[in-house]
Amino acid sequence: MLRYEANAQVKIVMTSGKAEIFGTELVCGTDLDLQEGERGTVVTFHGCKITVKGSGLDAFVMDAVEDHDLLHVYVNIHANLQEARKKATEDQSRGPRVLVCGPENVGKSVLCRTLVNYAARRGSKPVLVDVNVGLNQICIPSTIAALAVTKPYDLLEGWGLEEDPLVNQLAELVNIRSENDSKVFSSGCIIKMGGFSKTPERKETGLEAIRATATAFEVDIVLVIEDGFLSTFLQEDLLKDVTIIRLPRSSGAVNFTPKQSMRQRDMRISAYFHGENFKRRLHPHHLKLSASEVCQVLAACPKFLFMFLVLFRC
């Protein structure tokens, strides 16, 4: 496993072998553009060769036994979820609903993204739900969102966001989406929570948020990363038919400084409005023109019964 962080715009390319980033396969010979502040882990099961184009990349090989063991744990979780999805398809029943929780900066986003990408690669259509208003990986910060994942995350274009991104209402929308698509229904969903804190002023709020989300989405499985207190509490607090699984924290998960957290939020906002692919982003800007320099055209669309005014520079 190769852990990387870009300090400037840089490119990496896989020249041989097979590898993936958070469950998305790399295409051999295709450049992957990384922005400043972007982090990730290249994972290979059979070996690969990665070439870096530029000098703004910090990278190191993660060869600790526990990291490789954790990767196999993720794969085993995916395999069990796929068996549950297969059975749900055969029985025409609801697929597994998994809630991922834990403290801040322990790898919740990585686990969620990896699980939905693995599922999509197997032909499933799981719903990815993100109720982390601090740093939402689907939409902009301060929102909660859900997305039916029909294909693995595109490392160049991002999620194919089709829907406009609260918890009970969001759960109802997920149920409606599932009921109208048998593949989505049997594929279940992966739900990512915000970071849990045991500080006195935040502990009760965090526990209530997890409890409310698990109830609203009627989750079957809760994956708790690192936090033993949280795992024990949920085993006593949630319904007995909910399976609680505690996972170790990946050594690749790093703590963000306030400045880095702000940078990550800025990147998510920019990606939402301007697109994931920064090479083709549209950047709005101010342009002052006099009235004589502007042409006005009134266009009509009878089919949809509306008109719109087009302004363009003469």
Protein backbone atom coordinates (compact mmCIF):
# COMPACT_ATOMS: atom_id res chain seq x y z
CA MET A 1 0.00 0.00 0.00
CA LEU A 2 1.27 3.44 -0.97
CA ARG A 3 0.06 6.40 1.10
CA TYR A 4 0.34 9.79 -0.61
CA GLU A 5 -0.37 13.48 -0.02
CA ALA A 6 -0.08 16.15 -2.71
CA ASN A 7 1.63 19.41 -1.73
CA ALA A 8 1.01 20.88 -5.18
CA GLN A 9 -0.73 19.87 -8.39
CA VAL A 10 0.91 16.65 -9.49
CA LYS A 11 0.14 13.59 -11.63
CA ILE A 12 0.53 9.89 -10.92
CA VAL A 13 0.13 7.09 -13.42
CA MET A 14 0.10 3.30 -13.09
CA THR A 15 2.40 1.93 -15.76
CA SER A 16 2.00 -1.78 -14.98
CA GLY A 17 0.11 -4.16 -12.73
CA LYS A 18 -3.25 -3.64 -11.03
CA ALA A 19 -4.14 -1.27 -8.20
CA GLU A 20 -7.01 0.70 -6.72
CA ILE A 21 -7.69 3.80 -4.65
CA PHE A 22 -10.50 3.43 -2.08
CA GLY A 23 -12.01 0.61 -4.15
CA THR A 24 -11.78 2.38 -7.52
CA GLU A 25 -9.51 0.62 -9.98
CA LEU A 26 -6.70 2.59 -11.61
CA VAL A 27 -6.48 2.48 -15.39
CA CYS A 28 -3.04 1.53 -16.65
CA GLY A 29 -1.41 4.37 -18.58
CA THR A 30 -3.98 7.01 -17.58
CA ASP A 31 -2.77 10.05 -15.67
CA LEU A 32 -4.50 10.83 -12.38
CA ASP A 33 -4.36 14.54 -11.52
CA LEU A 34 -4.03 15.32 -7.82
CA GLN A 35 -4.79 18.69 -6.29
CA GLU A 36 -2.86 20.33 -3.49
CA GLY A 37 -3.99 18.82 -0.19
CA GLU A 38 -5.43 15.64 -1.76
CA ARG A 39 -4.64 12.42 0.11
CA GLY A 40 -5.17 8.77 -0.64
CA THR A 41 -3.79 5.24 -0.60
CA VAL A 42 -2.89 3.12 -3.61
CA VAL A 43 -3.70 -0.51 -2.81
CA THR A 44 -2.49 -3.47 -4.84
CA PHE A 45 -3.03 -7.18 -4.27
CA HIS A 46 -0.79 -8.40 -7.10
CA GLY A 47 1.84 -5.65 -7.45
CA CYS A 48 2.04 -2.53 -9.62
CA LYS A 49 4.36 0.25 -10.74
CA ILE A 50 3.41 3.88 -10.06
CA THR A 51 5.13 6.82 -11.75
CA VAL A 52 4.93 10.34 -10.31
CA LYS A 53 4.94 13.27 -12.74
CA GLY A 54 6.04 16.34 -10.80
CA SER A 55 7.72 17.03 -7.49
CA GLY A 56 4.85 17.93 -5.19
CA LEU A 57 4.01 14.50 -3.78
CA ASP A 58 4.88 13.03 -0.39
CA ALA A 59 4.47 9.24 -0.33
CA PHE A 60 5.49 6.25 1.73
CA VAL A 61 4.86 2.51 1.62
CA MET A 62 2.58 1.15 4.36
CA ASP A 63 4.03 -2.28 5.07
CA ALA A 64 2.82 -2.81 8.64
CA VAL A 65 1.15 -6.18 9.16
CA GLU A 66 -1.88 -4.58 10.82
CA ASP A 67 -2.53 -2.43 7.73
CA HIS A 68 -2.62 -5.47 5.45
CA ASP A 69 -4.78 -7.34 7.97
CA LEU A 70 -7.21 -4.42 8.09
CA LEU A 71 -7.46 -4.43 4.31
CA HIS A 72 -8.45 -8.10 4.39
CA VAL A 73 -11.04 -7.27 7.06
CA TYR A 74 -12.58 -4.72 4.68
CA VAL A 75 -12.66 -7.30 1.89
CA ASN A 76 -14.29 -9.88 4.18
CA ILE A 77 -16.94 -7.36 5.24
CA HIS A 78 -17.66 -6.67 1.58
CA ALA A 79 -17.91 -10.39 0.84
CA ASN A 80 -20.41 -10.90 3.67
CA LEU A 81 -22.45 -7.92 2.50
CA GLN A 82 -22.50 -9.30 -1.04
CA GLU A 83 -23.82 -12.63 0.26
CA ALA A 84 -26.55 -10.74 2.10
CA ARG A 85 -27.38 -8.80 -1.08
CA LYS A 86 -27.52 -12.01 -3.09
CA LYS A 87 -29.90 -13.56 -0.59
CA ALA A 88 -31.99 -10.38 -0.56
CA THR A 89 -32.25 -10.51 -4.34
CA GLU A 90 -33.36 -14.14 -4.28
CA ASP A 91 -35.87 -13.53 -1.47
CA GLN A 92 -36.93 -10.13 -2.84
CA SER A 93 -36.22 -8.65 0.58
CA ARG A 94 -34.38 -5.55 1.76
CA GLY A 95 -30.60 -5.58 1.50
CA PRO A 96 -28.19 -4.92 4.39
CA ARG A 97 -28.04 -1.45 5.89
CA VAL A 98 -24.68 -0.60 7.44
CA LEU A 99 -23.85 2.36 9.68
CA VAL A 100 -20.20 3.38 10.06
CA CYS A 101 -19.26 5.47 13.10
CA GLY A 102 -16.29 6.35 15.28
CA PRO A 103 -14.15 9.32 16.38
CA GLU A 104 -12.89 11.96 13.98
CA ASN A 105 -10.09 11.13 11.56
CA VAL A 106 -10.18 7.32 11.87
CA GLY A 107 -11.07 6.44 8.26
CA LYS A 108 -14.88 6.39 8.15
CA SER A 109 -15.00 8.01 4.70
CA VAL A 110 -12.42 5.56 3.34
CA LEU A 111 -14.33 2.52 4.62
CA CYS A 112 -17.68 3.77 3.26
CA ARG A 113 -16.25 4.66 -0.13
CA THR A 114 -14.40 1.36 -0.39
CA LEU A 115 -17.48 -0.72 0.48
CA VAL A 116 -19.79 1.04 -2.01
CA ASN A 117 -17.15 0.91 -4.74
CA TYR A 118 -16.61 -2.83 -4.22
CA ALA A 119 -20.39 -3.33 -4.33
CA ALA A 120 -20.76 -1.31 -7.53
CA ARG A 121 -17.96 -3.30 -9.17
CA ARG A 122 -19.99 -6.45 -8.46
CA GLY A 123 -23.08 -5.01 -10.14
CA SER A 124 -24.92 -3.88 -7.01
CA LYS A 125 -26.45 -0.44 -6.53
CA PRO A 126 -26.00 0.46 -2.85
CA VAL A 127 -27.11 3.81 -1.49
CA LEU A 128 -24.33 5.88 0.07
CA VAL A 129 -25.68 8.08 2.87
CA ASP A 130 -23.53 10.79 4.45
CA VAL A 131 -24.93 12.60 7.50
CA ASN A 132 -21.59 14.18 8.42
CA VAL A 133 -22.35 17.89 8.16
CA GLY A 134 -18.74 18.79 8.93
CA LEU A 135 -17.23 17.26 5.78
CA ASN A 136 -19.75 15.58 3.50
CA GLN A 137 -18.12 13.46 0.81
CA ILE A 138 -21.16 13.56 -1.50
CA CYS A 139 -22.18 17.19 -1.32
CA ILE A 140 -21.00 20.43 0.23
CA PRO A 141 -20.28 20.86 3.98
CA SER A 142 -23.27 21.62 6.26
CA THR A 143 -25.52 19.24 4.28
CA ILE A 144 -26.58 15.62 4.52
CA ALA A 145 -27.02 13.61 1.36
CA ALA A 146 -27.76 10.21 -0.14
CA LEU A 147 -26.71 8.81 -3.50
CA ALA A 148 -27.53 5.56 -5.27
CA VAL A 149 -24.12 4.34 -6.44
CA THR A 150 -24.50 2.71 -9.83
CA LYS A 151 -20.79 2.65 -10.68
CA PRO A 152 -17.53 2.99 -8.74
CA TYR A 153 -16.34 6.47 -7.78
CA ASP A 154 -14.66 8.15 -10.73
CA LEU A 155 -11.24 9.41 -9.65
CA LEU A 156 -11.41 12.09 -12.35
CA GLU A 157 -15.06 13.14 -12.31
CA GLY A 158 -16.19 12.21 -8.77
CA TRP A 159 -19.61 10.84 -7.86
CA GLY A 160 -22.23 11.01 -10.60
CA LEU A 161 -24.40 13.25 -8.40
CA GLU A 162 -27.97 13.22 -9.68
CA GLU A 163 -30.01 14.23 -6.64
CA ASP A 164 -30.37 17.41 -4.60
CA PRO A 165 -28.90 16.88 -1.31
CA LEU A 166 -32.64 16.14 6.65
CA VAL A 167 -32.33 12.50 8.83
CA ASN A 168 -35.91 11.08 8.86
CA GLN A 169 -36.79 12.77 5.56
CA LEU A 170 -33.57 11.54 4.00
CA ALA A 171 -34.33 8.00 5.20
CA GLU A 172 -37.80 8.22 3.65
CA LEU A 173 -36.28 9.30 0.34
CA VAL A 174 -33.84 6.38 0.49
CA ASN A 175 -36.76 4.00 1.11
CA ILE A 176 -38.69 5.44 -1.83
CA ARG A 177 -35.62 5.17 -4.05
CA SER A 178 -35.15 1.55 -2.95
CA GLU A 179 -38.78 0.57 -3.50
CA ASN A 180 -38.64 1.79 -7.09
CA ASP A 181 -35.47 -0.11 -8.02
CA SER A 182 -35.12 -3.78 -7.12
CA LYS A 183 -31.33 -3.66 -7.50
CA VAL A 184 -31.04 -0.72 -5.08
CA PHE A 185 -33.50 -2.44 -2.72
CA SER A 186 -31.44 -5.62 -2.47
CA SER A 187 -28.08 -3.78 -2.39
CA GLY A 188 -28.79 -1.94 0.86
CA CYS A 189 -26.93 1.20 1.88
CA ILE A 190 -23.76 2.41 3.59
CA ILE A 191 -24.22 5.32 6.03
CA LYS A 192 -21.35 7.51 7.19
CA MET A 193 -21.66 9.39 10.48
CA GLY A 194 -19.76 12.48 11.58
CA GLY A 195 -16.86 12.16 14.00
CA PHE A 196 -17.86 11.05 17.51
CA SER A 197 -16.31 12.86 20.48
CA LYS A 198 -16.33 11.74 24.12
CA THR A 199 -15.92 15.30 25.42
CA PRO A 200 -18.69 16.14 27.96
CA GLU A 201 -20.25 18.84 25.82
CA ARG A 202 -20.44 16.67 22.67
CA LYS A 203 -20.81 13.05 23.87
CA GLU A 204 -24.59 12.99 24.43
CA THR A 205 -25.25 14.85 21.18
CA GLY A 206 -23.08 12.41 19.25
CA LEU A 207 -24.73 9.34 20.80
CA GLU A 208 -28.19 10.72 20.06
CA ALA A 209 -27.21 11.41 16.45
CA ILE A 210 -26.03 7.80 15.97
CA ARG A 211 -29.13 6.43 17.72
CA ALA A 212 -31.49 8.58 15.64
CA THR A 213 -29.77 7.72 12.36
CA ALA A 214 -29.68 3.99 13.10
CA THR A 215 -33.39 4.07 13.96
CA ALA A 216 -34.43 6.17 10.97
CA PHE A 217 -32.60 3.96 8.48
CA GLU A 218 -33.42 0.71 10.35
CA VAL A 219 -29.80 -0.38 10.12
CA ASP A 220 -28.77 -4.02 10.42
CA ILE A 221 -25.02 -3.57 11.00
CA VAL A 222 -22.98 -0.90 12.78
CA LEU A 223 -19.24 -0.71 12.11
CA VAL A 224 -17.45 1.15 14.91
CA ILE A 225 -13.91 2.24 14.12
CA GLU A 226 -11.48 2.23 17.07
CA ASP A 227 -13.78 3.49 19.87
CA GLY A 228 -14.35 0.77 22.50
CA PHE A 229 -16.68 2.93 24.60
CA LEU A 230 -18.90 3.65 21.62
CA SER A 231 -18.99 -0.01 20.61
CA THR A 232 -20.00 -1.11 24.12
CA PHE A 233 -22.62 1.61 24.45
CA LEU A 234 -24.26 0.78 21.12
CA GLN A 235 -24.39 -2.92 21.97
CA GLU A 236 -26.50 -2.02 25.01
CA ASP A 237 -28.46 0.84 23.45
CA LEU A 238 -29.48 -0.35 19.99
CA LEU A 239 -31.92 -3.12 19.18
CA LYS A 240 -30.66 -6.66 19.83
CA ASP A 241 -30.94 -7.64 16.16
CA VAL A 242 -28.41 -4.95 15.16
CA THR A 243 -24.91 -6.40 14.71
CA ILE A 244 -22.10 -4.28 16.19
CA ILE A 245 -18.61 -4.82 14.74
CA ARG A 246 -15.58 -3.00 16.12
CA LEU A 247 -12.71 -2.30 13.71
CA PRO A 248 -9.19 -0.99 14.35
CA ARG A 249 -8.08 2.36 13.01
CA SER A 250 -5.93 2.33 9.90
CA SER A 251 -2.46 3.78 10.40
CA GLY A 252 -3.05 5.67 7.16
CA ALA A 253 -5.78 7.74 8.82
CA VAL A 254 -4.20 11.00 9.95
CA ASN A 255 -5.45 13.81 12.17
CA PHE A 256 -6.34 16.98 10.30
CA THR A 257 -5.17 20.31 11.65
CA PRO A 258 -7.81 23.10 11.64
CA LYS A 259 -6.13 24.56 8.56
CA GLN A 260 -6.19 21.21 6.75
CA SER A 261 -9.85 20.66 7.70
CA MET A 262 -10.73 24.06 6.28
CA ARG A 263 -8.81 23.18 3.11
CA GLN A 264 -10.76 19.91 2.76
CA ARG A 265 -14.08 21.76 3.14
CA ASP A 266 -13.03 24.34 0.58
CA MET A 267 -12.15 21.55 -1.85
CA ARG A 268 -15.57 19.89 -1.38
CA ILE A 269 -17.39 23.20 -1.95
CA SER A 270 -15.32 23.93 -5.05
CA ALA A 271 -15.88 20.41 -6.41
CA TYR A 272 -19.65 20.72 -5.91
CA PHE A 273 -19.99 24.01 -7.76
CA HIS A 274 -17.17 23.70 -10.29
CA GLY A 275 -16.82 19.93 -10.83
CA GLU A 276 -14.47 17.23 -9.54
CA ASN A 277 -12.20 17.45 -12.56
CA PHE A 278 -10.23 20.62 -11.89
CA LYS A 279 -8.88 20.61 -15.47
CA ARG A 280 -12.38 21.31 -16.81
CA ARG A 281 -13.83 23.39 -14.00
CA LEU A 282 -15.92 26.46 -14.70
CA HIS A 283 -14.82 29.37 -12.55
CA PRO A 284 -17.35 32.25 -12.44
CA HIS A 285 -15.94 35.74 -12.33
CA HIS A 286 -17.06 39.37 -12.59
CA LEU A 287 -17.11 41.05 -15.99
CA LYS A 288 -18.17 44.69 -16.29
CA LEU A 289 -19.78 45.65 -19.61
CA SER A 290 -21.66 48.68 -20.82
CA ALA A 291 -25.23 48.28 -22.08
CA SER A 292 -24.10 48.86 -25.66
CA GLU A 293 -21.83 45.81 -25.48
CA VAL A 294 -24.62 43.39 -24.57
CA CYS A 295 -27.10 41.76 -26.95
CA GLN A 296 -30.42 40.47 -25.63
CA VAL A 297 -32.26 37.52 -27.14
CA LEU A 298 -35.63 36.22 -25.92
CA ALA A 299 -35.90 32.48 -26.52
CA ALA A 300 -39.07 30.40 -26.17
CA CYS A 301 -39.56 26.67 -25.64
CA PRO A 302 -43.20 25.77 -26.50
CA LYS A 303 -42.75 22.14 -25.44
CA PHE A 304 -42.05 23.10 -21.82
CA LEU A 305 -44.08 26.36 -21.85
CA PHE A 306 -41.38 28.74 -20.69
CA MET A 307 -39.19 31.54 -22.05
CA PHE A 308 -35.77 32.69 -21.00
CA LEU A 309 -33.61 35.74 -21.66
CA VAL A 310 -30.14 35.18 -23.05
CA LEU A 311 -27.46 37.84 -22.61
CA PHE A 312 -24.21 37.63 -24.50
CA ARG A 313 -21.40 39.92 -25.50
CA CYS A 314 -21.74 41.43 -28.96
